[in-house]
């Protein structure tokens, strides 16, 4: 196939480009040339900016466009309209954050989407991210119609993850000692390895599969305990777990999802129980979580801070420092 990747040098886009090249496809990467610009010399590189700098895409045809870097509807609409007549398929990476509040487990692709209070807003933040993604989806559908493929992942994990949300856990277990485990062992968790998502997106493009899909994993339910045990096994240490209740952490202003990554208090548990039945039927498959954790830890250990993609300021507080974790554990045991 002839593939155009919008992005292609950071995390998911990087995984898509790597998988596509390994599969023998002709790959064009459109990016600004700012981050990891020297990656994939065997690919065709076109430099530009999605926001008003699309001139490099004025020529060429592709079997599929893989859009891994769209957050603002106006910007996504510009590229979708420009490429609509020159690509058979447009695969857009959205998010389960596009859904309106999920109160019950098992939300499907037909669950209502968020609607922006201000349709002119373009600032990406915690309050606007989901609504912007939903509006981006509509921009793609308006341009491509039935040739649009919308992929809604939850938390994307694996090597080259710039967010520190998943890498925190195998890194923490590698340090050993007593690990603060947030919430309850049976709380649900959903993640997808960027490499599995990338491989499946290529499958959708190659098979000409269109529609909307929740790209969440693993195939069956996974608990917080199961995820942490996979990270401990990947680290190969004798670290111990101490489970600390939601209420205790919330009362001490520990920020869910960021300071203790992948933790959400119990009232938000349905967000980690979204249905992936449609995606499984369309061929989505997952590697073992312990393999993802092992590969993430190997990358984390081998990559100096200056070589990492800068952490987005939209992600909230950084993960707990060792001293803060120790203070919380001591207070928990002394309560």
C-alpha atoms as a PDB file:
ATOM      1  CA  UNK A   1       0.000   0.000   0.000  1.00  0.00           C
ATOM      2  CA  UNK A   2       0.886   3.645  -0.365  1.00  0.00           C
ATOM      3  CA  UNK A   3       0.392   5.147   3.085  1.00  0.00           C
ATOM      4  CA  UNK A   4       0.438   8.716   4.339  1.00  0.00           C
ATOM      5  CA  UNK A   5       1.031   9.131   8.070  1.00  0.00           C
ATOM      6  CA  UNK A   6       0.190  12.510   9.557  1.00  0.00           C
ATOM      7  CA  UNK A   7       2.801  12.566  12.291  1.00  0.00           C
ATOM      8  CA  UNK A   8       4.933   9.456  12.287  1.00  0.00           C
ATOM      9  CA  UNK A   9       7.847  10.376  14.545  1.00  0.00           C
ATOM     10  CA  UNK A  10       6.333  10.378  18.063  1.00  0.00           C
ATOM     11  CA  UNK A  11       4.927   7.385  20.008  1.00  0.00           C
ATOM     12  CA  UNK A  12       1.851   6.044  18.188  1.00  0.00           C
ATOM     13  CA  UNK A  13       2.766   7.677  14.888  1.00  0.00           C
ATOM     14  CA  UNK A  14       6.247   6.240  15.242  1.00  0.00           C
ATOM     15  CA  UNK A  15       4.784   2.766  15.860  1.00  0.00           C
ATOM     16  CA  UNK A  16       2.553   3.110  12.791  1.00  0.00           C
ATOM     17  CA  UNK A  17       5.459   4.166  10.583  1.00  0.00           C
ATOM     18  CA  UNK A  18       7.706   1.391  11.872  1.00  0.00           C
ATOM     19  CA  UNK A  19       5.064  -1.289  11.331  1.00  0.00           C
ATOM     20  CA  UNK A  20       4.204   0.009   7.871  1.00  0.00           C
ATOM     21  CA  UNK A  21       7.815   0.040   6.724  1.00  0.00           C
ATOM     22  CA  UNK A  22       8.414  -3.410   8.184  1.00  0.00           C
ATOM     23  CA  UNK A  23       5.404  -4.606   6.184  1.00  0.00           C
ATOM     24  CA  UNK A  24       6.942  -3.411   2.937  1.00  0.00           C
ATOM     25  CA  UNK A  25       4.551  -0.523   2.350  1.00  0.00           C
ATOM     26  CA  UNK A  26       5.500   2.763   0.718  1.00  0.00           C
ATOM     27  CA  UNK A  27       5.305   5.321   3.525  1.00  0.00           C
ATOM     28  CA  UNK A  28       5.076   9.102   3.363  1.00  0.00           C
ATOM     29  CA  UNK A  29       5.481  10.944   6.676  1.00  0.00           C
ATOM     30  CA  UNK A  30       4.136  14.472   7.035  1.00  0.00           C
ATOM     31  CA  UNK A  31       5.581  16.305  10.031  1.00  0.00           C
ATOM     32  CA  UNK A  32       7.195  19.558  11.115  1.00  0.00           C
ATOM     33  CA  UNK A  33      10.700  18.128  11.366  1.00  0.00           C
ATOM     34  CA  UNK A  34      10.944  19.144  15.018  1.00  0.00           C
ATOM     35  CA  UNK A  35      10.887  15.860  16.969  1.00  0.00           C
ATOM     36  CA  UNK A  36      12.884  12.777  15.895  1.00  0.00           C
ATOM     37  CA  UNK A  37      13.228  14.230  12.402  1.00  0.00           C
ATOM     38  CA  UNK A  38      15.980  11.754  11.493  1.00  0.00           C
ATOM     39  CA  UNK A  39      13.837   8.664  12.006  1.00  0.00           C
ATOM     40  CA  UNK A  40      12.979   6.351   9.112  1.00  0.00           C
ATOM     41  CA  UNK A  41      15.283   7.593   6.331  1.00  0.00           C
ATOM     42  CA  UNK A  42      13.784   4.920   4.071  1.00  0.00           C
ATOM     43  CA  UNK A  43      10.419   6.708   4.158  1.00  0.00           C
ATOM     44  CA  UNK A  44       9.427   9.752   2.108  1.00  0.00           C
ATOM     45  CA  UNK A  45       9.384  12.820   4.366  1.00  0.00           C
ATOM     46  CA  UNK A  46       7.334  15.915   3.680  1.00  0.00           C
ATOM     47  CA  UNK A  47       7.749  18.903   5.970  1.00  0.00           C
ATOM     48  CA  UNK A  48       4.964  21.251   6.911  1.00  0.00           C
ATOM     49  CA  UNK A  49       2.522  22.254   9.599  1.00  0.00           C
ATOM     50  CA  UNK A  50      -1.006  20.927   9.942  1.00  0.00           C
ATOM     51  CA  UNK A  51      -2.172  24.384  10.969  1.00  0.00           C
ATOM     52  CA  UNK A  52      -1.936  26.357   7.735  1.00  0.00           C
ATOM     53  CA  UNK A  53       1.143  24.699   6.275  1.00  0.00           C
ATOM     54  CA  UNK A  54      -0.192  21.827   4.145  1.00  0.00           C
ATOM     55  CA  UNK A  55       1.435  22.854   0.857  1.00  0.00           C
ATOM     56  CA  UNK A  56       3.681  19.788   0.841  1.00  0.00           C
ATOM     57  CA  UNK A  57       0.553  17.634   0.566  1.00  0.00           C
ATOM     58  CA  UNK A  58      -0.815  19.377  -2.506  1.00  0.00           C
ATOM     59  CA  UNK A  59       0.274  16.465  -4.713  1.00  0.00           C
ATOM     60  CA  UNK A  60       0.243  12.683  -4.480  1.00  0.00           C
ATOM     61  CA  UNK A  61      -2.257   9.877  -3.949  1.00  0.00           C
ATOM     62  CA  UNK A  62      -2.394   7.242  -1.240  1.00  0.00           C
ATOM     63  CA  UNK A  63      -4.352   4.111  -0.456  1.00  0.00           C
ATOM     64  CA  UNK A  64      -4.832   5.276   3.108  1.00  0.00           C
ATOM     65  CA  UNK A  65      -4.177   8.223   5.394  1.00  0.00           C
ATOM     66  CA  UNK A  66      -3.348   7.388   9.016  1.00  0.00           C
ATOM     67  CA  UNK A  67      -3.992  10.459  11.155  1.00  0.00           C
ATOM     68  CA  UNK A  68      -2.309  10.055  14.542  1.00  0.00           C
ATOM     69  CA  UNK A  69      -1.905  13.731  15.422  1.00  0.00           C
ATOM     70  CA  UNK A  70      -5.276  15.490  15.135  1.00  0.00           C
ATOM     71  CA  UNK A  71      -6.733  17.442  18.057  1.00  0.00           C
ATOM     72  CA  UNK A  72      -8.421  20.559  16.640  1.00  0.00           C
ATOM     73  CA  UNK A  73     -11.464  20.169  14.344  1.00  0.00           C
ATOM     74  CA  UNK A  74     -10.542  23.071  12.042  1.00  0.00           C
ATOM     75  CA  UNK A  75      -7.051  21.647  11.510  1.00  0.00           C
ATOM     76  CA  UNK A  76      -8.242  18.058  11.060  1.00  0.00           C
ATOM     77  CA  UNK A  77     -10.948  19.223   8.665  1.00  0.00           C
ATOM     78  CA  UNK A  78      -8.359  21.016   6.519  1.00  0.00           C
ATOM     79  CA  UNK A  79      -6.292  17.867   5.996  1.00  0.00           C
ATOM     80  CA  UNK A  80      -9.323  15.601   5.569  1.00  0.00           C
ATOM     81  CA  UNK A  81     -10.812  17.804   2.854  1.00  0.00           C
ATOM     82  CA  UNK A  82      -7.463  18.240   1.106  1.00  0.00           C
ATOM     83  CA  UNK A  83      -6.893  14.482   0.960  1.00  0.00           C
ATOM     84  CA  UNK A  84     -10.466  13.223   0.538  1.00  0.00           C
ATOM     85  CA  UNK A  85     -10.193  12.736  -3.231  1.00  0.00           C
ATOM     86  CA  UNK A  86      -6.655  11.343  -3.095  1.00  0.00           C
ATOM     87  CA  UNK A  87      -6.992   8.542  -0.546  1.00  0.00           C
ATOM     88  CA  UNK A  88      -9.323   5.538  -0.377  1.00  0.00           C
ATOM     89  CA  UNK A  89      -9.407   5.429   3.437  1.00  0.00           C
ATOM     90  CA  UNK A  90      -8.809   7.935   6.224  1.00  0.00           C
ATOM     91  CA  UNK A  91      -8.070   6.361   9.625  1.00  0.00           C
ATOM     92  CA  UNK A  92      -8.421   8.927  12.403  1.00  0.00           C
ATOM     93  CA  UNK A  93      -7.219   8.311  15.952  1.00  0.00           C
ATOM     94  CA  UNK A  94      -9.789   9.740  18.335  1.00  0.00           C
ATOM     95  CA  UNK A  95     -10.244   8.749  21.994  1.00  0.00           C
ATOM     96  CA  UNK A  96     -12.778   7.234  24.367  1.00  0.00           C
ATOM     97  CA  UNK A  97     -12.609  10.692  25.981  1.00  0.00           C
ATOM     98  CA  UNK A  98     -14.896  11.722  23.113  1.00  0.00           C
ATOM     99  CA  UNK A  99     -17.770  10.034  24.936  1.00  0.00           C
ATOM    100  CA  UNK A 100     -20.093  11.938  27.196  1.00  0.00           C
ATOM    101  CA  UNK A 101     -20.052  10.801  30.815  1.00  0.00           C
ATOM    102  CA  UNK A 102     -19.912   7.003  31.020  1.00  0.00           C
ATOM    103  CA  UNK A 103     -21.949   5.909  34.032  1.00  0.00           C
ATOM    104  CA  UNK A 104     -22.300   2.192  33.287  1.00  0.00           C
ATOM    105  CA  UNK A 105     -19.801  -0.466  32.141  1.00  0.00           C
ATOM    106  CA  UNK A 106     -19.913  -1.751  28.583  1.00  0.00           C
ATOM    107  CA  UNK A 107     -20.267   1.509  26.653  1.00  0.00           C
ATOM    108  CA  UNK A 108     -20.302   0.819  22.915  1.00  0.00           C
ATOM    109  CA  UNK A 109     -19.443   2.958  19.919  1.00  0.00           C
ATOM    110  CA  UNK A 110     -23.044   4.218  19.922  1.00  0.00           C
ATOM    111  CA  UNK A 111     -22.671   5.933  23.310  1.00  0.00           C
ATOM    112  CA  UNK A 112     -23.403   9.696  23.133  1.00  0.00           C
ATOM    113  CA  UNK A 113     -20.419  11.951  22.414  1.00  0.00           C
ATOM    114  CA  UNK A 114     -19.325  15.108  24.139  1.00  0.00           C
ATOM    115  CA  UNK A 115     -20.430  18.435  22.700  1.00  0.00           C
ATOM    116  CA  UNK A 116     -18.293  21.521  23.184  1.00  0.00           C
ATOM    117  CA  UNK A 117     -20.011  24.336  25.050  1.00  0.00           C
ATOM    118  CA  UNK A 118     -18.128  26.770  22.809  1.00  0.00           C
ATOM    119  CA  UNK A 119     -17.765  25.434  19.277  1.00  0.00           C
ATOM    120  CA  UNK A 120     -15.060  28.006  18.526  1.00  0.00           C
ATOM    121  CA  UNK A 121     -12.696  26.783  21.266  1.00  0.00           C
ATOM    122  CA  UNK A 122      -9.375  25.362  20.068  1.00  0.00           C
ATOM    123  CA  UNK A 123      -7.402  25.227  23.313  1.00  0.00           C
ATOM    124  CA  UNK A 124      -6.698  21.568  24.110  1.00  0.00           C
ATOM    125  CA  UNK A 125      -7.069  20.869  27.825  1.00  0.00           C
ATOM    126  CA  UNK A 126      -8.681  18.565  30.331  1.00  0.00           C
ATOM    127  CA  UNK A 127     -12.105  20.159  29.909  1.00  0.00           C
ATOM    128  CA  UNK A 128     -12.013  20.397  26.114  1.00  0.00           C
ATOM    129  CA  UNK A 129      -9.988  17.403  24.907  1.00  0.00           C
ATOM    130  CA  UNK A 130     -12.902  14.968  24.588  1.00  0.00           C
ATOM    131  CA  UNK A 131     -15.234  17.449  22.922  1.00  0.00           C
ATOM    132  CA  UNK A 132     -12.528  18.481  20.473  1.00  0.00           C
ATOM    133  CA  UNK A 133     -11.859  14.853  19.555  1.00  0.00           C
ATOM    134  CA  UNK A 134     -15.578  14.278  18.958  1.00  0.00           C
ATOM    135  CA  UNK A 135     -15.702  17.328  16.693  1.00  0.00           C
ATOM    136  CA  UNK A 136     -12.575  16.119  14.855  1.00  0.00           C
ATOM    137  CA  UNK A 137     -14.347  12.845  14.143  1.00  0.00           C
ATOM    138  CA  UNK A 138     -17.229  14.748  12.588  1.00  0.00           C
ATOM    139  CA  UNK A 139     -14.826  16.746  10.427  1.00  0.00           C
ATOM    140  CA  UNK A 140     -13.335  13.515   9.067  1.00  0.00           C
ATOM    141  CA  UNK A 141     -16.744  11.977   8.415  1.00  0.00           C
ATOM    142  CA  UNK A 142     -17.935  15.135   6.661  1.00  0.00           C
ATOM    143  CA  UNK A 143     -14.989  14.968   4.279  1.00  0.00           C
ATOM    144  CA  UNK A 144     -14.712  11.200   3.724  1.00  0.00           C
ATOM    145  CA  UNK A 145     -18.207   9.893   4.375  1.00  0.00           C
ATOM    146  CA  UNK A 146     -18.274   6.089   4.483  1.00  0.00           C
ATOM    147  CA  UNK A 147     -14.535   5.931   3.764  1.00  0.00           C
ATOM    148  CA  UNK A 148     -13.751   7.241   7.261  1.00  0.00           C
ATOM    149  CA  UNK A 149     -12.441   4.887   9.936  1.00  0.00           C
ATOM    150  CA  UNK A 150     -12.556   6.237  13.485  1.00  0.00           C
ATOM    151  CA  UNK A 151     -10.446   4.538  16.140  1.00  0.00           C
ATOM    152  CA  UNK A 152     -11.118   5.393  19.798  1.00  0.00           C
ATOM    153  CA  UNK A 153      -8.330   4.152  22.068  1.00  0.00           C
ATOM    154  CA  UNK A 154      -8.175   4.557  25.801  1.00  0.00           C
ATOM    155  CA  UNK A 155      -4.732   4.704  27.394  1.00  0.00           C
ATOM    156  CA  UNK A 156      -2.011   3.958  24.822  1.00  0.00           C
ATOM    157  CA  UNK A 157       1.125   2.467  26.383  1.00  0.00           C
ATOM    158  CA  UNK A 158       4.464   0.924  25.475  1.00  0.00           C
ATOM    159  CA  UNK A 159       8.005   1.996  24.565  1.00  0.00           C
ATOM    160  CA  UNK A 160       8.515   5.666  23.619  1.00  0.00           C
ATOM    161  CA  UNK A 161       5.538   6.707  25.775  1.00  0.00           C
ATOM    162  CA  UNK A 162       6.093  10.414  26.537  1.00  0.00           C
ATOM    163  CA  UNK A 163       3.334  10.683  29.151  1.00  0.00           C
ATOM    164  CA  UNK A 164       4.955   8.758  32.045  1.00  0.00           C
ATOM    165  CA  UNK A 165       1.572   7.264  32.902  1.00  0.00           C
ATOM    166  CA  UNK A 166       2.404   3.606  32.257  1.00  0.00           C
ATOM    167  CA  UNK A 167       6.235   3.788  32.461  1.00  0.00           C
ATOM    168  CA  UNK A 168       5.926   4.873  36.096  1.00  0.00           C
ATOM    169  CA  UNK A 169       4.817   1.414  37.197  1.00  0.00           C
ATOM    170  CA  UNK A 170       7.530  -0.910  35.801  1.00  0.00           C
ATOM    171  CA  UNK A 171      10.083   1.754  36.789  1.00  0.00           C
ATOM    172  CA  UNK A 172       8.661   1.877  40.314  1.00  0.00           C
ATOM    173  CA  UNK A 173       8.763  -1.906  40.701  1.00  0.00           C
ATOM    174  CA  UNK A 174      12.321  -1.965  39.400  1.00  0.00           C
ATOM    175  CA  UNK A 175      13.268   0.280  42.346  1.00  0.00           C
ATOM    176  CA  UNK A 176      11.926  -2.367  44.725  1.00  0.00           C
ATOM    177  CA  UNK A 177      10.682  -1.900  48.259  1.00  0.00           C
ATOM    178  CA  UNK A 178       7.124  -1.162  49.344  1.00  0.00           C
ATOM    179  CA  UNK A 179       4.929   0.086  46.497  1.00  0.00           C
ATOM    180  CA  UNK A 180       1.815   2.181  47.115  1.00  0.00           C
ATOM    181  CA  UNK A 181      -1.000   0.520  45.150  1.00  0.00           C
ATOM    182  CA  UNK A 182      -3.963   2.883  44.771  1.00  0.00           C
ATOM    183  CA  UNK A 183      -7.605   1.960  45.232  1.00  0.00           C
ATOM    184  CA  UNK A 184      -8.681  -1.668  45.225  1.00  0.00           C
ATOM    185  CA  UNK A 185      -7.107  -4.739  43.593  1.00  0.00           C
ATOM    186  CA  UNK A 186     -10.273  -5.514  41.621  1.00  0.00           C
ATOM    187  CA  UNK A 187     -10.590  -2.068  39.998  1.00  0.00           C
ATOM    188  CA  UNK A 188     -10.710  -2.361  36.203  1.00  0.00           C
ATOM    189  CA  UNK A 189      -7.938  -1.111  33.896  1.00  0.00           C
ATOM    190  CA  UNK A 190      -7.829  -0.839  30.093  1.00  0.00           C
ATOM    191  CA  UNK A 191      -4.686  -0.174  28.055  1.00  0.00           C
ATOM    192  CA  UNK A 192      -3.449  -0.862  24.546  1.00  0.00           C
ATOM    193  CA  UNK A 193       0.145  -1.224  23.402  1.00  0.00           C
ATOM    194  CA  UNK A 194       0.929   1.355  20.716  1.00  0.00           C
ATOM    195  CA  UNK A 195       2.446  -1.400  18.586  1.00  0.00           C
ATOM    196  CA  UNK A 196      -0.734  -3.480  18.714  1.00  0.00           C
ATOM    197  CA  UNK A 197      -2.840  -0.439  17.865  1.00  0.00           C
ATOM    198  CA  UNK A 198      -0.536   0.437  14.982  1.00  0.00           C
ATOM    199  CA  UNK A 199      -0.623  -3.078  13.533  1.00  0.00           C
ATOM    200  CA  UNK A 200      -4.417  -3.139  13.722  1.00  0.00           C
ATOM    201  CA  UNK A 201      -4.792   0.275  12.100  1.00  0.00           C
ATOM    202  CA  UNK A 202      -2.731  -0.996   9.178  1.00  0.00           C
ATOM    203  CA  UNK A 203      -4.973  -4.069   9.014  1.00  0.00           C
ATOM    204  CA  UNK A 204      -8.073  -1.863   8.876  1.00  0.00           C
ATOM    205  CA  UNK A 205      -6.532   0.209   6.088  1.00  0.00           C
ATOM    206  CA  UNK A 206      -5.374  -2.770   4.074  1.00  0.00           C
ATOM    207  CA  UNK A 207      -8.671  -4.635   4.432  1.00  0.00           C
ATOM    208  CA  UNK A 208     -10.720  -1.532   3.679  1.00  0.00           C
ATOM    209  CA  UNK A 209     -12.620  -1.785   6.969  1.00  0.00           C
ATOM    210  CA  UNK A 210     -14.509   1.386   7.799  1.00  0.00           C
ATOM    211  CA  UNK A 211     -16.615   2.475  10.747  1.00  0.00           C
ATOM    212  CA  UNK A 212     -15.985   3.391  14.383  1.00  0.00           C
ATOM    213  CA  UNK A 213     -14.185   1.191  16.895  1.00  0.00           C
ATOM    214  CA  UNK A 214     -13.237   1.283  20.574  1.00  0.00           C
ATOM    215  CA  UNK A 215      -9.559   0.320  20.582  1.00  0.00           C
ATOM    216  CA  UNK A 216      -9.204  -0.715  24.217  1.00  0.00           C
ATOM    217  CA  UNK A 217      -7.594  -3.765  25.727  1.00  0.00           C
ATOM    218  CA  UNK A 218      -6.814  -6.360  26.704  1.00  0.00           C
ATOM    219  CA  UNK A 219      -9.280  -8.744  25.120  1.00  0.00           C
ATOM    220  CA  UNK A 220     -10.844  -9.640  28.474  1.00  0.00           C
ATOM    221  CA  UNK A 221     -11.143  -7.763  31.770  1.00  0.00           C
ATOM    222  CA  UNK A 222      -7.941  -6.698  33.505  1.00  0.00           C
ATOM    223  CA  UNK A 223      -7.755  -5.493  37.098  1.00  0.00           C
ATOM    224  CA  UNK A 224      -5.387  -3.033  38.689  1.00  0.00           C
ATOM    225  CA  UNK A 225      -3.879  -5.962  40.604  1.00  0.00           C
ATOM    226  CA  UNK A 226      -3.317  -7.857  37.366  1.00  0.00           C
ATOM    227  CA  UNK A 227      -1.686  -4.870  35.716  1.00  0.00           C
ATOM    228  CA  UNK A 228       0.600  -4.231  38.703  1.00  0.00           C
ATOM    229  CA  UNK A 229       1.552  -7.904  38.928  1.00  0.00           C
ATOM    230  CA  UNK A 230       2.542  -7.808  35.246  1.00  0.00           C
ATOM    231  CA  UNK A 231       4.738  -4.780  35.944  1.00  0.00           C
ATOM    232  CA  UNK A 232       6.309  -6.492  38.955  1.00  0.00           C
ATOM    233  CA  UNK A 233       7.035  -9.613  36.887  1.00  0.00           C
ATOM    234  CA  UNK A 234       8.558  -7.462  34.144  1.00  0.00           C
ATOM    235  CA  UNK A 235      10.837  -5.731  36.661  1.00  0.00           C
ATOM    236  CA  UNK A 236      11.853  -9.021  38.257  1.00  0.00           C
ATOM    237  CA  UNK A 237      12.043  -7.655  41.809  1.00  0.00           C
ATOM    238  CA  UNK A 238      10.601  -8.685  45.171  1.00  0.00           C
ATOM    239  CA  UNK A 239       8.763  -5.367  45.633  1.00  0.00           C
ATOM    240  CA  UNK A 240       5.678  -5.593  47.848  1.00  0.00           C
ATOM    241  CA  UNK A 241       2.266  -3.985  47.386  1.00  0.00           C
ATOM    242  CA  UNK A 242       0.371  -1.974  49.982  1.00  0.00           C
ATOM    243  CA  UNK A 243      -3.161  -1.114  48.885  1.00  0.00           C
ATOM    244  CA  UNK A 244      -4.341   2.351  49.920  1.00  0.00           C
ATOM    245  CA  UNK A 245      -8.018   3.347  49.742  1.00  0.00           C
ATOM    246  CA  UNK A 246      -9.370   5.935  47.323  1.00  0.00           C
ATOM    247  CA  UNK A 247     -10.759   8.149  50.057  1.00  0.00           C
ATOM    248  CA  UNK A 248      -7.437   8.380  51.861  1.00  0.00           C
ATOM    249  CA  UNK A 249      -5.607   9.445  48.697  1.00  0.00           C
ATOM    250  CA  UNK A 250      -8.268  11.912  47.572  1.00  0.00           C
ATOM    251  CA  UNK A 251      -8.346  13.511  51.028  1.00  0.00           C
ATOM    252  CA  UNK A 252      -4.616  14.121  50.751  1.00  0.00           C
ATOM    253  CA  UNK A 253      -4.924  15.765  47.355  1.00  0.00           C
ATOM    254  CA  UNK A 254      -3.240  12.980  45.400  1.00  0.00           C
ATOM    255  CA  UNK A 255      -4.229  13.606  41.788  1.00  0.00           C
ATOM    256  CA  UNK A 256      -5.793  10.560  40.110  1.00  0.00           C
ATOM    257  CA  UNK A 257      -4.388   9.436  36.749  1.00  0.00           C
ATOM    258  CA  UNK A 258      -1.273  11.621  36.961  1.00  0.00           C
ATOM    259  CA  UNK A 259       0.376  11.426  40.417  1.00  0.00           C
ATOM    260  CA  UNK A 260      -0.651   7.774  40.657  1.00  0.00           C
ATOM    261  CA  UNK A 261      -0.935   6.792  36.995  1.00  0.00           C
ATOM    262  CA  UNK A 262      -3.853   4.677  35.787  1.00  0.00           C
ATOM    263  CA  UNK A 263      -5.711   5.116  39.091  1.00  0.00           C
ATOM    264  CA  UNK A 264      -9.234   6.501  39.053  1.00  0.00           C
ATOM    265  CA  UNK A 265     -11.452   6.549  42.153  1.00  0.00           C
ATOM    266  CA  UNK A 266     -14.231   3.949  42.153  1.00  0.00           C
ATOM    267  CA  UNK A 267     -16.938   6.347  40.929  1.00  0.00           C
ATOM    268  CA  UNK A 268     -15.088   6.628  37.599  1.00  0.00           C
ATOM    269  CA  UNK A 269     -14.612   2.881  37.141  1.00  0.00           C
ATOM    270  CA  UNK A 270     -16.928   2.569  34.125  1.00  0.00           C
ATOM    271  CA  UNK A 271     -14.409   4.543  32.043  1.00  0.00           C
ATOM    272  CA  UNK A 272     -12.124   1.507  32.211  1.00  0.00           C
ATOM    273  CA  UNK A 273     -14.846  -0.944  31.154  1.00  0.00           C
ATOM    274  CA  UNK A 274     -15.645   0.223  27.626  1.00  0.00           C
ATOM    275  CA  UNK A 275     -16.742  -2.485  25.186  1.00  0.00           C
ATOM    276  CA  UNK A 276     -14.152  -3.616  22.622  1.00  0.00           C
ATOM    277  CA  UNK A 277     -16.358  -6.289  21.021  1.00  0.00           C
ATOM    278  CA  UNK A 278     -16.580  -4.539  17.659  1.00  0.00           C
ATOM    279  CA  UNK A 279     -12.804  -4.057  17.447  1.00  0.00           C
ATOM    280  CA  UNK A 280     -12.127  -7.682  18.413  1.00  0.00           C
ATOM    281  CA  UNK A 281     -14.457  -8.800  15.632  1.00  0.00           C
ATOM    282  CA  UNK A 282     -12.455  -6.602  13.249  1.00  0.00           C
ATOM    283  CA  UNK A 283      -9.180  -8.326  14.155  1.00  0.00           C
ATOM    284  CA  UNK A 284      -7.753  -6.322  17.062  1.00  0.00           C
ATOM    285  CA  UNK A 285      -5.295  -8.471  19.042  1.00  0.00           C
ATOM    286  CA  UNK A 286      -3.080  -7.827  22.059  1.00  0.00           C
ATOM    287  CA  UNK A 287       0.302  -8.959  23.316  1.00  0.00           C
ATOM    288  CA  UNK A 288       0.608  -9.944  27.010  1.00  0.00           C
ATOM    289  CA  UNK A 289       0.733  -6.977  29.387  1.00  0.00           C
ATOM    290  CA  UNK A 290       3.941  -8.313  30.926  1.00  0.00           C
ATOM    291  CA  UNK A 291       5.621  -8.047  27.504  1.00  0.00           C
ATOM    292  CA  UNK A 292       4.509  -4.427  27.177  1.00  0.00           C
ATOM    293  CA  UNK A 293       5.792  -3.697  30.693  1.00  0.00           C
ATOM    294  CA  UNK A 294       9.126  -5.429  30.026  1.00  0.00           C
ATOM    295  CA  UNK A 295       9.707  -3.564  26.771  1.00  0.00           C
ATOM    296  CA  UNK A 296       8.649  -0.264  28.328  1.00  0.00           C
ATOM    297  CA  UNK A 297      11.070  -0.720  31.218  1.00  0.00           C
ATOM    298  CA  UNK A 298      13.923  -1.620  28.844  1.00  0.00           C
ATOM    299  CA  UNK A 299      13.263   1.542  26.833  1.00  0.00           C
ATOM    300  CA  UNK A 300      12.906   3.631  30.004  1.00  0.00           C
ATOM    301  CA  UNK A 301      16.232   2.438  31.402  1.00  0.00           C
ATOM    302  CA  UNK A 302      18.055   2.968  28.108  1.00  0.00           C
ATOM    303  CA  UNK A 303      16.685   6.441  27.316  1.00  0.00           C
ATOM    304  CA  UNK A 304      18.196   9.519  28.983  1.00  0.00           C
ATOM    305  CA  UNK A 305      15.888  12.354  29.979  1.00  0.00           C
ATOM    306  CA  UNK A 306      17.223  14.677  27.287  1.00  0.00           C
ATOM    307  CA  UNK A 307      16.305  12.161  24.568  1.00  0.00           C
ATOM    308  CA  UNK A 308      12.650  11.922  25.565  1.00  0.00           C
ATOM    309  CA  UNK A 309       9.729  13.727  24.011  1.00  0.00           C
ATOM    310  CA  UNK A 310       8.794  16.602  26.364  1.00  0.00           C
ATOM    311  CA  UNK A 311       5.990  15.737  28.774  1.00  0.00           C
ATOM    312  CA  UNK A 312       2.803  17.635  27.970  1.00  0.00           C
ATOM    313  CA  UNK A 313       1.793  20.242  30.534  1.00  0.00           C
ATOM    314  CA  UNK A 314      -1.788  19.027  30.000  1.00  0.00           C
ATOM    315  CA  UNK A 315      -1.072  15.803  31.864  1.00  0.00           C
ATOM    316  CA  UNK A 316      -1.335  17.325  35.346  1.00  0.00           C
ATOM    317  CA  UNK A 317       1.073  16.696  38.197  1.00  0.00           C
ATOM    318  CA  UNK A 318       4.055  14.392  37.626  1.00  0.00           C
ATOM    319  CA  UNK A 319       3.990  10.933  39.259  1.00  0.00           C
ATOM    320  CA  UNK A 320       4.683  10.647  42.987  1.00  0.00           C
ATOM    321  CA  UNK A 321       8.248  11.236  44.097  1.00  0.00           C
ATOM    322  CA  UNK A 322       9.733   8.505  46.287  1.00  0.00           C
ATOM    323  CA  UNK A 323       9.663  10.748  49.354  1.00  0.00           C
ATOM    324  CA  UNK A 324       5.983  11.594  48.910  1.00  0.00           C
ATOM    325  CA  UNK A 325       5.095   7.935  48.386  1.00  0.00           C
ATOM    326  CA  UNK A 326       6.937   7.004  51.599  1.00  0.00           C
ATOM    327  CA  UNK A 327       5.131   9.749  53.545  1.00  0.00           C
ATOM    328  CA  UNK A 328       1.733   8.533  52.349  1.00  0.00           C
ATOM    329  CA  UNK A 329       2.525   4.915  53.189  1.00  0.00           C
ATOM    330  CA  UNK A 330       3.708   5.863  56.666  1.00  0.00           C
ATOM    331  CA  UNK A 331       0.566   7.912  57.290  1.00  0.00           C
ATOM    332  CA  UNK A 332      -1.662   5.127  55.943  1.00  0.00           C
ATOM    333  CA  UNK A 333      -0.150   2.558  58.285  1.00  0.00           C
ATOM    334  CA  UNK A 334      -0.282   4.898  61.263  1.00  0.00           C
ATOM    335  CA  UNK A 335      -3.872   6.052  60.772  1.00  0.00           C
END
